[in-house]
Amino acid sequence: MKKFLCLSSILVTSLGLAACSNNNSSAADRDHNTSNPLNQAPEQPKEDRISDTRIKLTFNDKEVLIRMYDNPASMAFLAQLPLTIAFEDYIGKEKISILQKKLSIDDVQAGNQSKKGDFAYYAPWGNLAIFYKDFEDSTNDLMILGQIESGKENFENVDGSFTVRIEKVTK
């Protein structure tokens, strides 16, 4: 009986020391991980950052200014400017135009949901989309290129097909 009690107390003590030892190691690891910049929370993704680049869409004596995002799809689009293309209404929520030359989007991750004011690229069709109303049921194949800063209301009242001149805004 004495041996059993002795062995039990040794076992309990060993387990207690092992648990304390593991907690100290975990705390040390946590402190090490916190001080290591590679283990910190990642920065905001580059594609979600607004750039300083703006484009201007001109049509029917109206202008719309768009601030572009800093992502590969936006840069590929900017490389095609200036452009003059025709837009038309699509389902009463967006204006669309098929680009003559599809954007090179090898390194771009699609999957964005659109919202009012988005300037986007729909990869499967190769078209631009300008959302002038929210679109809750939009596809996951959108790449948001930018956001309208001014003139969003100009798209709502345009009927039929219309021609748009798109160019970079220079300071």
C-alpha atoms as a PDB file:
ATOM      1  CA  MET A   1       0.000   0.000   0.000  1.00  0.00           C
ATOM      2  CA  LYS A   2       2.905   2.322   0.853  1.00  0.00           C
ATOM      3  CA  LYS A   3       4.453   1.636  -2.551  1.00  0.00           C
ATOM      4  CA  PHE A   4       1.158   2.472  -4.283  1.00  0.00           C
ATOM      5  CA  LEU A   5       0.826   5.793  -2.426  1.00  0.00           C
ATOM      6  CA  CYS A   6       4.457   6.641  -3.084  1.00  0.00           C
ATOM      7  CA  LEU A   7       4.152   5.824  -6.791  1.00  0.00           C
ATOM      8  CA  SER A   8       0.895   7.784  -7.036  1.00  0.00           C
ATOM      9  CA  SER A   9       2.425  10.884  -5.468  1.00  0.00           C
ATOM     10  CA  ILE A  10       5.480  10.638  -7.749  1.00  0.00           C
ATOM     11  CA  LEU A  11       3.201  10.302 -10.781  1.00  0.00           C
ATOM     12  CA  VAL A  12       1.070  13.299  -9.750  1.00  0.00           C
ATOM     13  CA  THR A  13       4.183  15.402  -9.061  1.00  0.00           C
ATOM     14  CA  SER A  14       5.709  14.415 -12.413  1.00  0.00           C
ATOM     15  CA  LEU A  15       2.537  15.313 -14.283  1.00  0.00           C
ATOM     16  CA  GLY A  16       2.351  18.651 -12.465  1.00  0.00           C
ATOM     17  CA  LEU A  17       5.973  19.482 -13.316  1.00  0.00           C
ATOM     18  CA  ALA A  18       5.469  18.453 -16.933  1.00  0.00           C
ATOM     19  CA  ALA A  19       2.384  20.659 -17.211  1.00  0.00           C
ATOM     20  CA  CYS A  20       4.230  23.639 -15.710  1.00  0.00           C
ATOM     21  CA  SER A  21       7.169  23.015 -17.985  1.00  0.00           C
ATOM     22  CA  ASN A  22       4.900  22.958 -21.081  1.00  0.00           C
ATOM     23  CA  ASN A  23       3.123  26.136 -20.022  1.00  0.00           C
ATOM     24  CA  ASN A  24       6.445  27.930 -19.665  1.00  0.00           C
ATOM     25  CA  SER A  25       7.556  26.708 -23.083  1.00  0.00           C
ATOM     26  CA  SER A  26       4.281  27.833 -24.630  1.00  0.00           C
ATOM     27  CA  ALA A  27       4.609  31.238 -23.024  1.00  0.00           C
ATOM     28  CA  ALA A  28       8.172  31.501 -24.301  1.00  0.00           C
ATOM     29  CA  ASP A  29       7.045  30.427 -27.771  1.00  0.00           C
ATOM     30  CA  ARG A  30       4.201  32.960 -27.695  1.00  0.00           C
ATOM     31  CA  ASP A  31       6.624  35.721 -26.667  1.00  0.00           C
ATOM     32  CA  HIS A  32       9.029  34.658 -29.420  1.00  0.00           C
ATOM     33  CA  ASN A  33       6.251  34.542 -32.039  1.00  0.00           C
ATOM     34  CA  THR A  34       4.988  37.979 -31.062  1.00  0.00           C
ATOM     35  CA  SER A  35       8.416  39.551 -31.426  1.00  0.00           C
ATOM     36  CA  ASN A  36       9.077  37.830 -34.745  1.00  0.00           C
ATOM     37  CA  PRO A  37       7.771  40.093 -37.531  1.00  0.00           C
ATOM     38  CA  LEU A  38       7.198  37.108 -39.831  1.00  0.00           C
ATOM     39  CA  ASN A  39       4.606  35.698 -37.412  1.00  0.00           C
ATOM     40  CA  GLN A  40       2.603  38.897 -36.995  1.00  0.00           C
ATOM     41  CA  ALA A  41      -0.768  39.433 -38.626  1.00  0.00           C
ATOM     42  CA  PRO A  42      -0.294  40.102 -42.339  1.00  0.00           C
ATOM     43  CA  GLU A  43      -0.648  43.579 -43.735  1.00  0.00           C
ATOM     44  CA  GLN A  44      -3.789  44.538 -45.599  1.00  0.00           C
ATOM     45  CA  PRO A  45      -3.650  42.746 -48.968  1.00  0.00           C
ATOM     46  CA  LYS A  46      -2.072  44.873 -51.674  1.00  0.00           C
ATOM     47  CA  GLU A  47      -5.082  44.475 -53.956  1.00  0.00           C
ATOM     48  CA  ASP A  48      -7.349  46.131 -51.390  1.00  0.00           C
ATOM     49  CA  ARG A  49      -5.295  49.306 -51.232  1.00  0.00           C
ATOM     50  CA  ILE A  50      -6.455  52.397 -53.043  1.00  0.00           C
ATOM     51  CA  SER A  51      -3.769  53.835 -55.281  1.00  0.00           C
ATOM     52  CA  ASP A  52      -3.192  57.461 -56.208  1.00  0.00           C
ATOM     53  CA  THR A  53      -4.172  56.694 -59.803  1.00  0.00           C
ATOM     54  CA  ARG A  54      -7.472  58.023 -61.087  1.00  0.00           C
ATOM     55  CA  ILE A  55      -9.224  57.554 -64.386  1.00  0.00           C
ATOM     56  CA  LYS A  56     -11.855  59.718 -66.006  1.00  0.00           C
ATOM     57  CA  LEU A  57     -14.818  58.381 -67.958  1.00  0.00           C
ATOM     58  CA  THR A  58     -16.352  60.946 -70.307  1.00  0.00           C
ATOM     59  CA  PHE A  59     -19.717  60.426 -72.045  1.00  0.00           C
ATOM     60  CA  ASN A  60     -22.722  62.569 -73.051  1.00  0.00           C
ATOM     61  CA  ASP A  61     -20.995  65.727 -71.713  1.00  0.00           C
ATOM     62  CA  LYS A  62     -20.640  64.097 -68.270  1.00  0.00           C
ATOM     63  CA  GLU A  63     -17.628  62.903 -66.299  1.00  0.00           C
ATOM     64  CA  VAL A  64     -17.107  60.132 -63.796  1.00  0.00           C
ATOM     65  CA  LEU A  65     -13.914  59.910 -61.724  1.00  0.00           C
ATOM     66  CA  ILE A  66     -12.680  56.541 -60.499  1.00  0.00           C
ATOM     67  CA  ARG A  67      -9.894  55.895 -58.026  1.00  0.00           C
ATOM     68  CA  MET A  68      -8.102  52.698 -59.025  1.00  0.00           C
ATOM     69  CA  TYR A  69      -7.037  49.925 -56.655  1.00  0.00           C
ATOM     70  CA  ASP A  70      -3.448  48.786 -56.536  1.00  0.00           C
ATOM     71  CA  ASN A  71      -3.705  45.265 -57.952  1.00  0.00           C
ATOM     72  CA  PRO A  72      -2.420  43.414 -61.050  1.00  0.00           C
ATOM     73  CA  ALA A  73      -5.782  43.516 -62.865  1.00  0.00           C
ATOM     74  CA  SER A  74      -6.029  47.301 -62.396  1.00  0.00           C
ATOM     75  CA  MET A  75      -2.479  47.757 -63.679  1.00  0.00           C
ATOM     76  CA  ALA A  76      -3.246  45.604 -66.732  1.00  0.00           C
ATOM     77  CA  PHE A  77      -6.315  47.742 -67.438  1.00  0.00           C
ATOM     78  CA  LEU A  78      -4.396  51.010 -67.024  1.00  0.00           C
ATOM     79  CA  ALA A  79      -1.850  49.782 -69.576  1.00  0.00           C
ATOM     80  CA  GLN A  80      -4.633  49.748 -72.218  1.00  0.00           C
ATOM     81  CA  LEU A  81      -5.582  53.419 -71.731  1.00  0.00           C
ATOM     82  CA  PRO A  82      -6.728  55.598 -73.345  1.00  0.00           C
ATOM     83  CA  LEU A  83      -9.782  53.718 -74.638  1.00  0.00           C
ATOM     84  CA  THR A  84     -13.031  54.623 -76.339  1.00  0.00           C
ATOM     85  CA  ILE A  85     -15.612  51.872 -75.865  1.00  0.00           C
ATOM     86  CA  ALA A  86     -19.371  51.353 -75.915  1.00  0.00           C
ATOM     87  CA  PHE A  87     -21.284  50.537 -72.730  1.00  0.00           C
ATOM     88  CA  GLU A  88     -24.813  49.218 -72.355  1.00  0.00           C
ATOM     89  CA  ASP A  89     -27.106  48.521 -69.427  1.00  0.00           C
ATOM     90  CA  TYR A  90     -27.143  45.076 -67.898  1.00  0.00           C
ATOM     91  CA  ILE A  91     -30.040  43.987 -65.630  1.00  0.00           C
ATOM     92  CA  GLY A  92     -30.737  47.522 -64.406  1.00  0.00           C
ATOM     93  CA  LYS A  93     -27.791  47.501 -61.981  1.00  0.00           C
ATOM     94  CA  GLU A  94     -24.638  47.862 -64.012  1.00  0.00           C
ATOM     95  CA  LYS A  95     -23.244  49.139 -67.280  1.00  0.00           C
ATOM     96  CA  ILE A  96     -20.993  46.731 -69.150  1.00  0.00           C
ATOM     97  CA  SER A  97     -18.554  46.797 -72.055  1.00  0.00           C
ATOM     98  CA  ILE A  98     -16.579  43.971 -73.610  1.00  0.00           C
ATOM     99  CA  LEU A  99     -12.895  44.854 -73.883  1.00  0.00           C
ATOM    100  CA  GLN A 100     -11.284  44.211 -77.259  1.00  0.00           C
ATOM    101  CA  LYS A 101      -8.206  42.911 -75.468  1.00  0.00           C
ATOM    102  CA  LYS A 102      -8.798  40.772 -72.353  1.00  0.00           C
ATOM    103  CA  LEU A 103      -6.808  41.649 -69.262  1.00  0.00           C
ATOM    104  CA  SER A 104      -3.878  39.453 -68.315  1.00  0.00           C
ATOM    105  CA  ILE A 105      -4.927  38.194 -64.913  1.00  0.00           C
ATOM    106  CA  ASP A 106      -2.588  35.287 -64.233  1.00  0.00           C
ATOM    107  CA  ASP A 107      -1.769  36.282 -60.649  1.00  0.00           C
ATOM    108  CA  VAL A 108      -5.130  37.746 -59.727  1.00  0.00           C
ATOM    109  CA  GLN A 109      -7.520  36.116 -57.291  1.00  0.00           C
ATOM    110  CA  ALA A 110     -11.171  36.772 -58.187  1.00  0.00           C
ATOM    111  CA  GLY A 111     -14.021  36.356 -55.783  1.00  0.00           C
ATOM    112  CA  ASN A 112     -15.192  39.840 -54.941  1.00  0.00           C
ATOM    113  CA  GLN A 113     -18.828  40.760 -54.404  1.00  0.00           C
ATOM    114  CA  SER A 114     -19.840  43.989 -56.081  1.00  0.00           C
ATOM    115  CA  LYS A 115     -21.341  47.054 -54.499  1.00  0.00           C
ATOM    116  CA  LYS A 116     -22.636  50.356 -55.793  1.00  0.00           C
ATOM    117  CA  GLY A 117     -19.795  52.401 -57.233  1.00  0.00           C
ATOM    118  CA  ASP A 118     -17.489  49.501 -58.100  1.00  0.00           C
ATOM    119  CA  PHE A 119     -15.526  49.537 -61.340  1.00  0.00           C
ATOM    120  CA  ALA A 120     -14.843  45.867 -62.053  1.00  0.00           C
ATOM    121  CA  TYR A 121     -13.640  43.290 -64.556  1.00  0.00           C
ATOM    122  CA  TYR A 122     -15.590  40.080 -65.192  1.00  0.00           C
ATOM    123  CA  ALA A 123     -12.969  37.594 -66.379  1.00  0.00           C
ATOM    124  CA  PRO A 124     -15.176  34.900 -67.988  1.00  0.00           C
ATOM    125  CA  TRP A 125     -16.627  37.388 -70.497  1.00  0.00           C
ATOM    126  CA  GLY A 126     -13.703  39.806 -70.588  1.00  0.00           C
ATOM    127  CA  ASN A 127     -15.883  42.786 -69.814  1.00  0.00           C
ATOM    128  CA  LEU A 128     -15.798  45.891 -67.671  1.00  0.00           C
ATOM    129  CA  ALA A 129     -18.686  46.465 -65.291  1.00  0.00           C
ATOM    130  CA  ILE A 130     -19.679  49.696 -63.588  1.00  0.00           C
ATOM    131  CA  PHE A 131     -22.139  49.066 -60.760  1.00  0.00           C
ATOM    132  CA  TYR A 132     -24.543  51.945 -60.243  1.00  0.00           C
ATOM    133  CA  LYS A 133     -26.755  49.912 -57.873  1.00  0.00           C
ATOM    134  CA  ASP A 134     -25.929  47.275 -55.273  1.00  0.00           C
ATOM    135  CA  PHE A 135     -25.966  43.729 -56.589  1.00  0.00           C
ATOM    136  CA  GLU A 136     -26.307  41.179 -53.778  1.00  0.00           C
ATOM    137  CA  ASP A 137     -26.349  38.151 -56.076  1.00  0.00           C
ATOM    138  CA  SER A 138     -23.282  38.995 -58.085  1.00  0.00           C
ATOM    139  CA  THR A 139     -20.833  36.388 -59.234  1.00  0.00           C
ATOM    140  CA  ASN A 140     -17.582  35.419 -57.582  1.00  0.00           C
ATOM    141  CA  ASP A 141     -15.652  35.988 -60.822  1.00  0.00           C
ATOM    142  CA  LEU A 142     -15.338  39.761 -60.400  1.00  0.00           C
ATOM    143  CA  MET A 143     -12.102  41.609 -59.904  1.00  0.00           C
ATOM    144  CA  ILE A 144     -12.687  45.066 -58.496  1.00  0.00           C
ATOM    145  CA  LEU A 145     -10.424  47.511 -60.335  1.00  0.00           C
ATOM    146  CA  GLY A 146     -11.494  50.691 -58.585  1.00  0.00           C
ATOM    147  CA  GLN A 147     -14.201  52.718 -56.896  1.00  0.00           C
ATOM    148  CA  ILE A 148     -16.184  55.662 -58.300  1.00  0.00           C
ATOM    149  CA  GLU A 149     -15.325  58.877 -56.465  1.00  0.00           C
ATOM    150  CA  SER A 150     -17.741  61.182 -58.263  1.00  0.00           C
ATOM    151  CA  GLY A 151     -20.434  61.046 -60.929  1.00  0.00           C
ATOM    152  CA  LYS A 152     -21.970  57.683 -59.972  1.00  0.00           C
ATOM    153  CA  GLU A 153     -25.453  59.072 -60.571  1.00  0.00           C
ATOM    154  CA  ASN A 154     -24.580  59.829 -64.205  1.00  0.00           C
ATOM    155  CA  PHE A 155     -24.833  56.132 -65.098  1.00  0.00           C
ATOM    156  CA  GLU A 156     -28.342  55.569 -63.723  1.00  0.00           C
ATOM    157  CA  ASN A 157     -30.088  57.790 -66.255  1.00  0.00           C
ATOM    158  CA  VAL A 158     -28.301  56.686 -69.427  1.00  0.00           C
ATOM    159  CA  ASP A 159     -30.479  54.504 -71.642  1.00  0.00           C
ATOM    160  CA  GLY A 160     -29.286  52.186 -74.377  1.00  0.00           C
ATOM    161  CA  SER A 161     -25.756  51.978 -75.671  1.00  0.00           C
ATOM    162  CA  PHE A 162     -23.397  54.932 -75.186  1.00  0.00           C
ATOM    163  CA  THR A 163     -19.762  55.638 -75.984  1.00  0.00           C
ATOM    164  CA  VAL A 164     -17.286  56.329 -73.195  1.00  0.00           C
ATOM    165  CA  ARG A 165     -13.790  57.774 -73.396  1.00  0.00           C
ATOM    166  CA  ILE A 166     -11.565  56.404 -70.593  1.00  0.00           C
ATOM    167  CA  GLU A 167      -8.235  58.015 -69.790  1.00  0.00           C
ATOM    168  CA  LYS A 168      -5.827  58.453 -66.902  1.00  0.00           C
ATOM    169  CA  VAL A 169      -6.154  61.648 -64.938  1.00  0.00           C
ATOM    170  CA  THR A 170      -2.847  63.444 -64.775  1.00  0.00           C
ATOM    171  CA  LYS A 171      -2.078  65.819 -61.943  1.00  0.00           C
END
